[in-house]
N, C-alpha and C. Protein backbone atom coordinates (compact mmCIF):
# COMPACT_ATOMS: atom_id res chain seq x y z
N UNK A 1 -20.72 27.94 6.11
CA UNK A 1 -20.09 26.63 6.12
C UNK A 1 -21.18 25.56 6.04
N UNK A 2 -20.93 24.56 5.22
CA UNK A 2 -21.84 23.43 5.07
C UNK A 2 -21.17 22.20 5.69
N UNK A 3 -21.94 21.48 6.50
CA UNK A 3 -21.43 20.28 7.16
C UNK A 3 -22.23 19.07 6.66
N UNK A 4 -21.51 18.05 6.23
CA UNK A 4 -22.11 16.79 5.80
C UNK A 4 -21.75 15.72 6.81
N UNK A 5 -22.75 14.94 7.20
CA UNK A 5 -22.52 13.83 8.12
C UNK A 5 -23.07 12.56 7.47
N UNK A 6 -22.69 11.45 8.05
CA UNK A 6 -23.20 10.18 7.55
C UNK A 6 -24.71 10.17 7.77
N UNK A 7 -25.45 9.65 6.81
CA UNK A 7 -26.91 9.65 6.85
C UNK A 7 -27.48 8.95 8.08
N UNK A 8 -28.64 9.41 8.50
CA UNK A 8 -29.31 8.87 9.68
C UNK A 8 -29.62 7.38 9.52
N UNK A 9 -30.06 6.97 8.35
CA UNK A 9 -30.39 5.56 8.12
C UNK A 9 -29.15 4.68 8.31
N UNK A 10 -28.03 5.13 7.77
CA UNK A 10 -26.79 4.36 7.91
C UNK A 10 -26.37 4.30 9.38
N UNK A 11 -26.54 5.39 10.11
CA UNK A 11 -26.17 5.39 11.52
C UNK A 11 -27.07 4.45 12.34
N UNK A 12 -28.36 4.50 12.07
CA UNK A 12 -29.29 3.61 12.80
C UNK A 12 -28.98 2.15 12.49
N UNK A 13 -28.79 1.84 11.22
CA UNK A 13 -28.50 0.45 10.85
C UNK A 13 -27.15 0.00 11.39
N UNK A 14 -26.18 0.90 11.47
CA UNK A 14 -24.88 0.55 12.05
C UNK A 14 -24.99 0.32 13.55
N UNK A 15 -25.80 1.14 14.22
CA UNK A 15 -26.03 0.92 15.65
C UNK A 15 -26.73 -0.41 15.88
N UNK A 16 -27.75 -0.70 15.07
CA UNK A 16 -28.45 -1.98 15.18
C UNK A 16 -27.50 -3.15 14.91
N UNK A 17 -26.51 -2.93 14.06
CA UNK A 17 -25.52 -3.96 13.79
C UNK A 17 -24.68 -4.24 15.03
N UNK A 18 -24.36 -3.20 15.78
CA UNK A 18 -23.64 -3.39 17.06
C UNK A 18 -24.51 -4.21 18.01
N UNK A 19 -25.78 -3.83 18.13
CA UNK A 19 -26.70 -4.56 19.01
C UNK A 19 -26.85 -6.00 18.54
N UNK A 20 -26.99 -6.21 17.25
CA UNK A 20 -27.11 -7.56 16.69
C UNK A 20 -25.87 -8.39 16.96
N UNK A 21 -24.69 -7.77 16.90
CA UNK A 21 -23.46 -8.52 17.16
C UNK A 21 -23.37 -8.91 18.63
N UNK A 22 -23.86 -8.06 19.52
CA UNK A 22 -23.89 -8.41 20.94
C UNK A 22 -24.86 -9.57 21.15
N UNK A 23 -26.04 -9.50 20.55
CA UNK A 23 -27.03 -10.57 20.64
C UNK A 23 -26.46 -11.88 20.08
N UNK A 24 -25.76 -11.80 18.97
CA UNK A 24 -25.09 -12.94 18.36
C UNK A 24 -24.07 -13.54 19.32
N UNK A 25 -23.27 -12.70 19.96
CA UNK A 25 -22.25 -13.17 20.90
C UNK A 25 -22.86 -13.80 22.14
N UNK A 26 -23.92 -13.19 22.64
CA UNK A 26 -24.62 -13.75 23.81
C UNK A 26 -25.19 -15.12 23.47
N UNK A 27 -25.71 -15.27 22.26
CA UNK A 27 -26.26 -16.57 21.86
C UNK A 27 -25.18 -17.64 21.85
N UNK A 28 -23.97 -17.27 21.46
CA UNK A 28 -22.86 -18.22 21.49
C UNK A 28 -22.44 -18.53 22.92
N UNK A 29 -22.54 -17.56 23.79
CA UNK A 29 -22.20 -17.80 25.20
C UNK A 29 -23.13 -18.84 25.81
N UNK A 30 -24.40 -18.81 25.41
CA UNK A 30 -25.36 -19.79 25.94
C UNK A 30 -25.16 -21.18 25.37
N UNK A 31 -24.51 -21.28 24.21
CA UNK A 31 -24.29 -22.59 23.61
C UNK A 31 -22.96 -23.20 24.05
N UNK A 32 -22.23 -22.49 24.85
CA UNK A 32 -20.93 -22.98 25.31
C UNK A 32 -19.82 -22.43 24.44
N UNK A 33 -19.07 -21.54 25.01
CA UNK A 33 -18.02 -20.87 24.24
C UNK A 33 -16.68 -21.57 24.45
N UNK A 34 -16.01 -21.85 23.36
CA UNK A 34 -14.63 -22.31 23.44
C UNK A 34 -13.75 -21.18 22.90
N UNK A 35 -12.48 -21.40 22.81
CA UNK A 35 -11.54 -20.35 22.40
C UNK A 35 -11.86 -19.71 21.06
N UNK A 36 -12.19 -20.53 20.07
CA UNK A 36 -12.45 -20.00 18.73
C UNK A 36 -13.72 -19.16 18.70
N UNK A 37 -14.76 -19.59 19.40
CA UNK A 37 -16.01 -18.82 19.43
C UNK A 37 -15.81 -17.48 20.13
N UNK A 38 -15.04 -17.47 21.21
CA UNK A 38 -14.75 -16.20 21.89
C UNK A 38 -14.04 -15.24 20.95
N UNK A 39 -13.09 -15.77 20.21
CA UNK A 39 -12.33 -14.94 19.28
C UNK A 39 -13.23 -14.38 18.18
N UNK A 40 -14.07 -15.22 17.61
CA UNK A 40 -14.98 -14.78 16.55
C UNK A 40 -15.96 -13.75 17.09
N UNK A 41 -16.53 -14.01 18.27
CA UNK A 41 -17.48 -13.06 18.87
C UNK A 41 -16.80 -11.72 19.15
N UNK A 42 -15.59 -11.75 19.67
CA UNK A 42 -14.86 -10.51 19.96
C UNK A 42 -14.54 -9.74 18.68
N UNK A 43 -14.14 -10.45 17.64
CA UNK A 43 -13.83 -9.79 16.37
C UNK A 43 -15.09 -9.15 15.77
N UNK A 44 -16.20 -9.88 15.77
CA UNK A 44 -17.45 -9.36 15.22
C UNK A 44 -17.90 -8.13 16.00
N UNK A 45 -17.91 -8.23 17.34
CA UNK A 45 -18.33 -7.08 18.15
C UNK A 45 -17.37 -5.90 17.99
N UNK A 46 -16.08 -6.18 17.99
CA UNK A 46 -15.09 -5.11 17.84
C UNK A 46 -15.21 -4.41 16.50
N UNK A 47 -15.38 -5.18 15.43
CA UNK A 47 -15.50 -4.60 14.10
C UNK A 47 -16.75 -3.74 13.99
N UNK A 48 -17.90 -4.25 14.44
CA UNK A 48 -19.14 -3.49 14.31
C UNK A 48 -19.11 -2.23 15.19
N UNK A 49 -18.52 -2.33 16.38
CA UNK A 49 -18.42 -1.16 17.25
C UNK A 49 -17.50 -0.11 16.63
N UNK A 50 -16.34 -0.53 16.13
CA UNK A 50 -15.41 0.41 15.50
C UNK A 50 -16.06 1.06 14.28
N UNK A 51 -16.77 0.28 13.48
CA UNK A 51 -17.45 0.81 12.29
C UNK A 51 -18.46 1.88 12.69
N UNK A 52 -19.25 1.60 13.73
CA UNK A 52 -20.24 2.57 14.19
C UNK A 52 -19.57 3.85 14.69
N UNK A 53 -18.54 3.70 15.49
CA UNK A 53 -17.83 4.88 16.04
C UNK A 53 -17.20 5.70 14.92
N UNK A 54 -16.58 5.03 13.96
CA UNK A 54 -15.93 5.77 12.87
C UNK A 54 -16.97 6.49 12.00
N UNK A 55 -18.12 5.89 11.77
CA UNK A 55 -19.17 6.57 11.02
C UNK A 55 -19.75 7.74 11.81
N UNK A 56 -19.91 7.54 13.11
CA UNK A 56 -20.49 8.58 13.97
C UNK A 56 -19.63 9.85 13.98
N UNK A 57 -18.33 9.70 14.05
CA UNK A 57 -17.44 10.86 14.16
C UNK A 57 -17.02 11.43 12.80
N UNK A 58 -17.36 10.77 11.72
CA UNK A 58 -16.96 11.23 10.39
C UNK A 58 -17.85 12.41 9.96
N UNK A 59 -17.21 13.50 9.55
CA UNK A 59 -17.95 14.63 9.02
C UNK A 59 -17.11 15.35 7.98
N UNK A 60 -17.81 16.02 7.10
CA UNK A 60 -17.18 16.75 6.01
C UNK A 60 -17.66 18.18 6.10
N UNK A 61 -16.72 19.11 6.16
CA UNK A 61 -17.07 20.54 6.22
C UNK A 61 -16.58 21.21 4.95
N UNK A 62 -17.43 22.06 4.39
CA UNK A 62 -17.08 22.81 3.19
C UNK A 62 -17.32 24.28 3.50
N UNK A 63 -16.25 25.04 3.35
CA UNK A 63 -16.34 26.49 3.57
C UNK A 63 -15.56 27.18 2.46
N UNK A 64 -16.29 27.87 1.58
CA UNK A 64 -15.64 28.49 0.44
C UNK A 64 -15.05 27.42 -0.45
N UNK A 65 -13.74 27.50 -0.69
CA UNK A 65 -13.11 26.48 -1.53
C UNK A 65 -12.34 25.45 -0.70
N UNK A 66 -12.51 25.49 0.62
CA UNK A 66 -11.80 24.54 1.48
C UNK A 66 -12.73 23.40 1.91
N UNK A 67 -12.21 22.19 1.77
CA UNK A 67 -12.93 20.97 2.16
C UNK A 67 -12.14 20.34 3.30
N UNK A 68 -12.82 20.09 4.43
CA UNK A 68 -12.17 19.46 5.58
C UNK A 68 -12.92 18.17 5.92
N UNK A 69 -12.17 17.08 6.02
CA UNK A 69 -12.73 15.78 6.37
C UNK A 69 -12.21 15.39 7.75
N UNK A 70 -13.13 15.13 8.67
CA UNK A 70 -12.79 14.72 10.03
C UNK A 70 -13.14 13.25 10.20
N UNK A 71 -12.18 12.48 10.71
CA UNK A 71 -12.40 11.06 10.99
C UNK A 71 -11.82 10.75 12.37
N UNK A 72 -11.97 9.52 12.82
CA UNK A 72 -11.38 9.12 14.10
C UNK A 72 -9.86 9.14 14.03
N UNK A 73 -9.33 9.15 12.83
CA UNK A 73 -7.87 9.15 12.66
C UNK A 73 -7.29 10.55 12.53
N UNK A 74 -8.14 11.57 12.46
CA UNK A 74 -7.64 12.93 12.37
C UNK A 74 -8.39 13.74 11.33
N UNK A 75 -7.77 14.83 10.90
CA UNK A 75 -8.40 15.78 9.98
C UNK A 75 -7.53 15.95 8.74
N UNK A 76 -8.21 16.04 7.59
CA UNK A 76 -7.53 16.34 6.33
C UNK A 76 -8.27 17.51 5.70
N UNK A 77 -7.51 18.38 5.07
CA UNK A 77 -8.16 19.48 4.35
C UNK A 77 -7.49 19.70 3.01
N UNK A 78 -8.28 20.23 2.10
CA UNK A 78 -7.80 20.49 0.75
C UNK A 78 -8.59 21.66 0.18
N UNK A 79 -7.95 22.40 -0.69
CA UNK A 79 -8.61 23.53 -1.34
C UNK A 79 -9.02 23.13 -2.76
N UNK A 80 -10.26 23.44 -3.10
CA UNK A 80 -10.76 23.09 -4.43
C UNK A 80 -10.00 23.84 -5.53
N UNK A 81 -9.56 25.05 -5.23
CA UNK A 81 -8.83 25.83 -6.24
C UNK A 81 -7.44 25.25 -6.51
N UNK A 82 -6.92 24.44 -5.59
CA UNK A 82 -5.58 23.85 -5.75
C UNK A 82 -5.62 22.44 -6.30
N UNK A 83 -6.81 21.92 -6.59
CA UNK A 83 -6.91 20.54 -7.05
C UNK A 83 -6.19 20.34 -8.38
N UNK A 84 -5.45 19.25 -8.44
CA UNK A 84 -4.79 18.87 -9.68
C UNK A 84 -5.45 17.65 -10.32
N UNK A 85 -6.13 16.87 -9.49
CA UNK A 85 -6.76 15.64 -9.99
C UNK A 85 -7.99 15.33 -9.15
N UNK A 86 -8.99 14.81 -9.83
CA UNK A 86 -10.17 14.27 -9.16
C UNK A 86 -10.36 12.86 -9.71
N UNK A 87 -10.45 11.91 -8.81
CA UNK A 87 -10.67 10.53 -9.20
C UNK A 87 -11.97 10.01 -8.65
N UNK A 88 -12.54 9.06 -9.31
CA UNK A 88 -13.78 8.43 -8.87
C UNK A 88 -13.56 6.92 -8.86
N UNK A 89 -13.87 6.30 -7.72
CA UNK A 89 -13.82 4.85 -7.62
C UNK A 89 -15.24 4.38 -7.36
N UNK A 90 -15.74 3.51 -8.22
CA UNK A 90 -17.08 2.97 -8.05
C UNK A 90 -16.97 1.55 -7.52
N UNK A 91 -17.42 1.35 -6.31
CA UNK A 91 -17.45 0.03 -5.70
C UNK A 91 -18.89 -0.46 -5.72
N UNK A 92 -19.11 -1.68 -5.29
CA UNK A 92 -20.47 -2.23 -5.29
C UNK A 92 -21.41 -1.41 -4.41
N UNK A 93 -20.91 -1.01 -3.22
CA UNK A 93 -21.79 -0.37 -2.25
C UNK A 93 -21.59 1.13 -2.09
N UNK A 94 -20.61 1.70 -2.74
CA UNK A 94 -20.41 3.13 -2.59
C UNK A 94 -19.52 3.67 -3.70
N UNK A 95 -19.58 4.96 -3.82
CA UNK A 95 -18.70 5.68 -4.74
C UNK A 95 -17.74 6.49 -3.88
N UNK A 96 -16.50 6.56 -4.29
CA UNK A 96 -15.50 7.32 -3.55
C UNK A 96 -14.95 8.40 -4.47
N UNK A 97 -14.99 9.62 -3.99
CA UNK A 97 -14.46 10.76 -4.71
C UNK A 97 -13.09 11.08 -4.11
N UNK A 98 -12.06 11.08 -4.94
CA UNK A 98 -10.70 11.36 -4.47
C UNK A 98 -10.30 12.74 -4.98
N UNK A 99 -10.10 13.64 -4.04
CA UNK A 99 -9.67 14.99 -4.37
C UNK A 99 -8.19 15.09 -4.02
N UNK A 100 -7.36 15.52 -4.98
CA UNK A 100 -5.92 15.60 -4.68
C UNK A 100 -5.29 16.84 -5.30
N UNK A 101 -4.36 17.40 -4.52
CA UNK A 101 -3.53 18.48 -5.03
C UNK A 101 -2.10 17.97 -5.07
N UNK A 102 -1.14 18.85 -5.15
CA UNK A 102 0.25 18.42 -5.29
C UNK A 102 0.79 17.73 -4.04
N UNK A 103 0.20 17.99 -2.87
CA UNK A 103 0.76 17.49 -1.61
C UNK A 103 -0.12 16.49 -0.86
N UNK A 104 -1.40 16.54 -1.05
CA UNK A 104 -2.29 15.70 -0.24
C UNK A 104 -3.51 15.26 -1.03
N UNK A 105 -4.29 14.39 -0.39
CA UNK A 105 -5.51 13.88 -1.01
C UNK A 105 -6.56 13.68 0.07
N UNK A 106 -7.81 13.67 -0.35
CA UNK A 106 -8.94 13.43 0.55
C UNK A 106 -9.88 12.46 -0.14
N UNK A 107 -10.27 11.40 0.57
CA UNK A 107 -11.26 10.44 0.08
C UNK A 107 -12.61 10.81 0.68
N UNK A 108 -13.61 11.01 -0.15
CA UNK A 108 -14.96 11.33 0.32
C UNK A 108 -15.89 10.26 -0.22
N UNK A 109 -16.58 9.57 0.70
CA UNK A 109 -17.43 8.45 0.33
C UNK A 109 -18.89 8.86 0.20
N UNK A 110 -19.63 8.10 -0.58
CA UNK A 110 -21.04 8.41 -0.86
C UNK A 110 -21.98 8.11 0.30
N UNK A 111 -21.48 7.61 1.43
CA UNK A 111 -22.41 7.37 2.54
C UNK A 111 -22.73 8.64 3.31
N UNK A 112 -22.16 9.78 2.91
CA UNK A 112 -22.54 11.05 3.51
C UNK A 112 -23.93 11.44 3.03
N UNK A 113 -24.73 11.96 3.96
CA UNK A 113 -26.04 12.48 3.59
C UNK A 113 -25.83 13.68 2.67
N UNK A 114 -26.63 13.79 1.63
CA UNK A 114 -26.54 14.87 0.64
C UNK A 114 -25.21 14.86 -0.12
N UNK A 115 -24.66 13.68 -0.33
CA UNK A 115 -23.42 13.56 -1.09
C UNK A 115 -23.57 14.15 -2.49
N UNK A 116 -24.77 14.04 -3.05
CA UNK A 116 -25.03 14.61 -4.38
C UNK A 116 -24.79 16.11 -4.38
N UNK A 117 -25.22 16.79 -3.31
CA UNK A 117 -25.01 18.24 -3.20
C UNK A 117 -23.52 18.56 -3.14
N UNK A 118 -22.77 17.72 -2.42
CA UNK A 118 -21.33 17.94 -2.33
C UNK A 118 -20.68 17.78 -3.71
N UNK A 119 -21.04 16.73 -4.43
CA UNK A 119 -20.43 16.54 -5.75
C UNK A 119 -20.81 17.68 -6.71
N UNK A 120 -22.06 18.16 -6.61
CA UNK A 120 -22.47 19.29 -7.44
C UNK A 120 -21.65 20.54 -7.09
N UNK A 121 -21.39 20.73 -5.78
CA UNK A 121 -20.60 21.88 -5.34
C UNK A 121 -19.17 21.78 -5.88
N UNK A 122 -18.60 20.58 -5.81
CA UNK A 122 -17.25 20.39 -6.34
C UNK A 122 -17.24 20.67 -7.84
N UNK A 123 -18.23 20.13 -8.56
CA UNK A 123 -18.30 20.33 -10.01
C UNK A 123 -18.37 21.82 -10.36
N UNK A 124 -19.09 22.57 -9.57
CA UNK A 124 -19.27 24.00 -9.87
C UNK A 124 -18.06 24.85 -9.46
N UNK A 125 -17.11 24.27 -8.72
CA UNK A 125 -15.98 25.04 -8.24
C UNK A 125 -14.62 24.57 -8.76
N UNK A 126 -14.64 23.74 -9.80
CA UNK A 126 -13.38 23.30 -10.41
C UNK A 126 -13.43 23.56 -11.91
N UNK A 127 -12.28 23.48 -12.56
CA UNK A 127 -12.23 23.76 -14.00
C UNK A 127 -12.90 22.65 -14.81
N UNK A 128 -13.09 22.92 -16.08
CA UNK A 128 -13.82 22.00 -16.96
C UNK A 128 -13.17 20.63 -17.06
N UNK A 129 -11.84 20.59 -17.07
CA UNK A 129 -11.15 19.30 -17.17
C UNK A 129 -11.47 18.42 -15.96
N UNK A 130 -11.42 19.00 -14.78
CA UNK A 130 -11.72 18.23 -13.56
C UNK A 130 -13.20 17.90 -13.46
N UNK A 131 -14.06 18.76 -14.00
CA UNK A 131 -15.49 18.46 -14.02
C UNK A 131 -15.76 17.19 -14.82
N UNK A 132 -15.00 17.02 -15.90
CA UNK A 132 -15.16 15.83 -16.74
C UNK A 132 -14.82 14.55 -16.00
N UNK A 133 -13.88 14.65 -15.05
CA UNK A 133 -13.48 13.47 -14.28
C UNK A 133 -14.60 12.95 -13.39
N UNK A 134 -15.48 13.83 -12.95
CA UNK A 134 -16.55 13.39 -12.04
C UNK A 134 -17.92 13.41 -12.71
N UNK A 135 -17.95 13.55 -14.01
CA UNK A 135 -19.22 13.63 -14.74
C UNK A 135 -20.06 12.36 -14.56
N UNK A 136 -19.39 11.21 -14.40
CA UNK A 136 -20.15 9.96 -14.27
C UNK A 136 -20.86 9.83 -12.93
N UNK A 137 -20.53 10.69 -11.98
CA UNK A 137 -21.19 10.67 -10.67
C UNK A 137 -22.47 11.49 -10.73
N UNK A 138 -23.54 10.90 -11.22
CA UNK A 138 -24.81 11.61 -11.22
C UNK A 138 -25.65 11.18 -10.02
N UNK A 139 -26.73 11.90 -9.78
CA UNK A 139 -27.56 11.65 -8.60
C UNK A 139 -28.15 10.25 -8.57
N UNK A 140 -28.53 9.72 -9.72
CA UNK A 140 -29.11 8.38 -9.79
C UNK A 140 -28.10 7.32 -9.35
N UNK A 141 -26.87 7.43 -9.84
CA UNK A 141 -25.81 6.48 -9.46
C UNK A 141 -25.49 6.58 -7.97
N UNK A 142 -25.39 7.79 -7.47
CA UNK A 142 -25.09 7.98 -6.04
C UNK A 142 -26.19 7.37 -5.19
N UNK A 143 -27.44 7.62 -5.55
CA UNK A 143 -28.57 7.07 -4.78
C UNK A 143 -28.55 5.54 -4.82
N UNK A 144 -28.22 4.97 -5.97
CA UNK A 144 -28.14 3.51 -6.10
C UNK A 144 -27.07 2.95 -5.16
N UNK A 145 -25.92 3.60 -5.09
CA UNK A 145 -24.84 3.16 -4.20
C UNK A 145 -25.27 3.26 -2.74
N UNK A 146 -25.96 4.33 -2.38
CA UNK A 146 -26.42 4.51 -1.01
C UNK A 146 -27.45 3.45 -0.62
N UNK A 147 -28.35 3.14 -1.52
CA UNK A 147 -29.35 2.10 -1.25
C UNK A 147 -28.68 0.74 -1.11
N UNK A 148 -27.70 0.43 -1.95
CA UNK A 148 -26.98 -0.83 -1.86
C UNK A 148 -26.28 -0.96 -0.52
N UNK A 149 -25.69 0.13 -0.03
CA UNK A 149 -25.03 0.13 1.27
C UNK A 149 -26.04 -0.15 2.39
N UNK A 150 -27.23 0.46 2.31
CA UNK A 150 -28.27 0.22 3.31
C UNK A 150 -28.74 -1.24 3.27
N UNK A 151 -28.90 -1.77 2.07
CA UNK A 151 -29.33 -3.17 1.93
C UNK A 151 -28.29 -4.09 2.57
N UNK A 152 -27.01 -3.81 2.36
CA UNK A 152 -25.97 -4.62 2.98
C UNK A 152 -26.08 -4.59 4.50
N UNK A 153 -26.29 -3.41 5.07
CA UNK A 153 -26.43 -3.31 6.53
C UNK A 153 -27.65 -4.08 7.03
N UNK A 154 -28.75 -4.02 6.29
CA UNK A 154 -29.95 -4.77 6.67
C UNK A 154 -29.67 -6.27 6.61
N UNK A 155 -29.03 -6.73 5.55
CA UNK A 155 -28.71 -8.16 5.40
C UNK A 155 -27.79 -8.63 6.52
N UNK A 156 -26.78 -7.84 6.86
CA UNK A 156 -25.89 -8.21 7.96
C UNK A 156 -26.64 -8.30 9.28
N UNK A 157 -27.55 -7.37 9.52
CA UNK A 157 -28.36 -7.44 10.74
C UNK A 157 -29.22 -8.69 10.76
N UNK A 158 -29.85 -8.99 9.65
CA UNK A 158 -30.69 -10.19 9.57
C UNK A 158 -29.86 -11.44 9.79
N UNK A 159 -28.67 -11.49 9.20
CA UNK A 159 -27.80 -12.65 9.38
C UNK A 159 -27.40 -12.83 10.84
N UNK A 160 -26.97 -11.76 11.50
CA UNK A 160 -26.55 -11.90 12.89
C UNK A 160 -27.71 -12.26 13.81
N UNK A 161 -28.86 -11.63 13.61
CA UNK A 161 -30.03 -11.94 14.44
C UNK A 161 -30.51 -13.36 14.15
N UNK A 162 -30.55 -13.73 12.88
CA UNK A 162 -30.97 -15.09 12.52
C UNK A 162 -30.03 -16.13 13.10
N UNK A 163 -28.74 -15.89 13.05
CA UNK A 163 -27.77 -16.82 13.63
C UNK A 163 -27.94 -16.93 15.13
N UNK A 164 -28.20 -15.80 15.77
CA UNK A 164 -28.40 -15.80 17.23
C UNK A 164 -29.66 -16.59 17.59
N UNK A 165 -30.73 -16.36 16.88
CA UNK A 165 -31.99 -17.09 17.14
C UNK A 165 -31.76 -18.58 16.92
N UNK A 166 -31.07 -18.92 15.85
CA UNK A 166 -30.76 -20.32 15.58
C UNK A 166 -29.97 -20.93 16.74
N UNK A 167 -28.99 -20.20 17.26
CA UNK A 167 -28.19 -20.70 18.39
C UNK A 167 -29.06 -20.92 19.62
N UNK A 168 -29.96 -19.98 19.91
CA UNK A 168 -30.83 -20.13 21.07
C UNK A 168 -31.78 -21.32 20.92
N UNK A 169 -32.31 -21.50 19.73
CA UNK A 169 -33.25 -22.60 19.48
C UNK A 169 -32.55 -23.95 19.60
N UNK A 170 -31.33 -24.04 19.14
CA UNK A 170 -30.62 -25.31 19.12
C UNK A 170 -29.69 -25.53 20.30
N UNK A 171 -29.80 -24.69 21.32
CA UNK A 171 -28.92 -24.90 22.50
C UNK A 171 -29.57 -25.74 23.57
């Protein structure tokens, strides 16, 4: 059985985002919090904490032709031999592979470590027609999406820390 988890860099940057959001909220507390600031601080901290927790518990297991995706919302599984369709969605920061059979579907995102290995495994275990559907997902494109996701996390951290420092300086 092969287990894929979210990459270490993404996990570290997501954890730092939680810390940055707390620092950001504390900076607002020192400048005097009113109702709207409390709400914004709570939303930012809640979102970053939920994002970190959901990434932490997300894992993908592959055993033979069965793919199992575990999330905070539960477990989904699908058999590669039963696939009827494979879809690819290319977003700015990630690629999403949609595996579907007659009854269910599984979304697998490129923020998993070794996602390229997973896509190669899928390509080697499905028929030629389905292989054509994911042909555009090459290692270079996947790596580009992963780097873009990391850059976004870095920028968000810089923004929250910079905003917090600005609040402390101007309070």
